Amino acid sequence: PMAHQPTREFLDVPTRPPAPRSLVLDRPPEKSSVLARVQEFLPQMERANTELKKAMENEPPEHFDVEHLEDSEAPHVEMNLLVGVLDVTERGEGNSVGIEVVPDGDKKR
């Protein structure tokens, strides 16, 4: 048998075509209104955080606890949240839909 002779073969890789004209920027992109609003908002947030830290040094912790009510009879918003998987199923005839909340981990897959 003949010995294998190494060869230097290269793949013919075509050159990359130029980018479409629509992706080439001739000028800097226009300022985004969202970016401007975020840039305006962040310093306000920083000031509010600084004020909160100062207030937390002078007030008791329950003053900042959103779940602590000094007067439980005073008007307030109560939010009861449940963490789980929402399972929407069709029941019965027509367009009837049943909604069942299954605690996380109890859902049969």
Protein backbone atom coordinates (compact mmCIF):
# COMPACT_ATOMS: atom_id res chain seq x y z
CA PRO A 1 0.00 0.00 0.00
CA MET A 2 1.02 3.58 -0.72
CA ALA A 3 1.86 5.92 2.13
CA HIS A 4 -0.59 8.79 2.61
CA GLN A 5 0.90 12.04 1.40
CA PRO A 6 -0.32 15.17 3.25
CA THR A 7 -1.77 17.82 0.97
CA ARG A 8 -2.61 21.45 1.51
CA GLU A 9 -6.13 21.95 0.32
CA PHE A 10 -8.20 24.95 1.33
CA LEU A 11 -11.92 25.43 1.30
CA ASP A 12 -13.18 28.02 -1.11
CA VAL A 13 -14.77 30.53 1.31
CA PRO A 14 -16.52 33.35 -0.50
CA THR A 15 -15.92 36.87 0.71
CA ARG A 16 -18.62 38.45 2.85
CA PRO A 17 -21.04 40.60 0.87
CA PRO A 18 -21.24 44.26 1.90
CA ALA A 19 -23.86 45.20 4.51
CA PRO A 20 -27.16 46.40 3.12
CA ARG A 21 -27.34 50.16 2.77
CA SER A 22 -30.13 50.37 5.38
CA LEU A 23 -27.79 49.11 8.12
CA VAL A 24 -24.95 51.52 7.39
CA LEU A 25 -25.15 54.72 9.45
CA ASP A 26 -24.06 57.93 7.71
CA ARG A 27 -24.64 59.95 10.87
CA PRO A 28 -25.09 59.30 14.58
CA PRO A 29 -28.48 57.82 15.48
CA GLU A 30 -31.19 60.22 16.62
CA LYS A 31 -31.66 60.68 20.35
CA SER A 32 -34.30 58.38 21.77
CA SER A 33 -37.06 59.99 23.82
CA VAL A 34 -37.02 56.92 26.08
CA LEU A 35 -33.29 57.30 26.71
CA ALA A 36 -33.77 60.99 27.52
CA ARG A 37 -36.53 60.20 30.01
CA VAL A 38 -34.42 57.50 31.69
CA GLN A 39 -31.44 59.86 31.92
CA GLU A 40 -33.73 62.44 33.53
CA PHE A 41 -35.28 59.90 35.89
CA LEU A 42 -32.11 58.28 37.26
CA PRO A 43 -30.83 61.39 39.11
CA GLN A 44 -34.29 61.81 40.69
CA MET A 45 -34.17 58.20 41.83
CA GLU A 46 -30.69 58.71 43.28
CA ARG A 47 -31.87 61.79 45.25
CA ALA A 48 -34.90 59.89 46.56
CA ASN A 49 -32.68 56.99 47.70
CA THR A 50 -30.35 59.42 49.47
CA GLU A 51 -33.28 61.09 51.24
CA LEU A 52 -34.67 57.68 52.24
CA LYS A 53 -31.32 56.60 53.71
CA LYS A 54 -31.15 59.81 55.77
CA ALA A 55 -34.73 59.35 56.98
CA MET A 56 -34.03 55.73 57.94
CA GLU A 57 -31.30 56.92 60.30
CA ASN A 58 -33.81 59.04 62.28
CA GLU A 59 -37.03 57.00 62.17
CA PRO A 60 -37.89 53.58 63.62
CA PRO A 61 -37.94 50.64 61.17
CA GLU A 62 -41.72 50.18 61.38
CA HIS A 63 -42.10 53.68 59.91
CA PHE A 64 -40.84 52.23 56.61
CA ASP A 65 -42.60 48.85 56.80
CA VAL A 66 -45.42 48.88 54.23
CA GLU A 67 -47.14 46.03 56.08
CA HIS A 68 -47.20 47.84 59.43
CA LEU A 69 -50.45 49.71 60.07
CA GLU A 70 -50.71 52.02 63.06
CA ASP A 71 -54.49 52.24 62.67
CA SER A 72 -55.89 49.06 61.11
CA GLU A 73 -59.33 50.70 60.88
CA ALA A 74 -58.06 53.57 58.72
CA PRO A 75 -58.70 53.30 54.97
CA HIS A 76 -55.96 51.25 53.33
CA VAL A 77 -55.33 48.96 50.37
CA GLU A 78 -54.86 45.31 51.24
CA MET A 79 -53.11 43.14 48.69
CA ASN A 80 -53.18 39.38 49.11
CA LEU A 81 -50.84 37.75 46.61
CA LEU A 82 -50.55 34.09 45.74
CA VAL A 83 -47.54 32.61 44.03
CA GLY A 84 -48.32 29.64 41.85
CA VAL A 85 -49.02 28.42 38.34
CA LEU A 86 -52.16 29.64 36.63
CA ASP A 87 -53.91 26.83 34.77
CA VAL A 88 -56.70 27.83 32.38
CA THR A 89 -58.91 24.97 31.26
CA GLU A 90 -62.08 24.69 29.21
CA ARG A 91 -65.03 23.28 31.12
CA GLY A 92 -68.41 22.18 29.90
CA GLU A 93 -70.17 23.50 26.84
CA GLY A 94 -69.62 26.68 24.89
CA ASN A 95 -67.13 29.32 25.86
CA SER A 96 -66.99 28.39 29.55
CA VAL A 97 -63.45 28.70 30.95
CA GLY A 98 -62.28 27.61 34.39
CA ILE A 99 -59.27 29.12 36.10
CA GLU A 100 -57.39 27.14 38.70
CA VAL A 101 -54.32 28.26 40.62
CA VAL A 102 -52.03 25.32 41.31
CA PRO A 103 -49.33 25.83 43.96
CA ASP A 104 -45.88 25.73 42.39
CA GLY A 105 -44.57 22.17 42.28
CA ASP A 106 -48.01 20.54 42.45
CA LYS A 107 -48.70 20.86 38.72
CA LYS A 108 -48.73 17.51 36.94
CA ARG A 109 -46.63 17.66 33.79
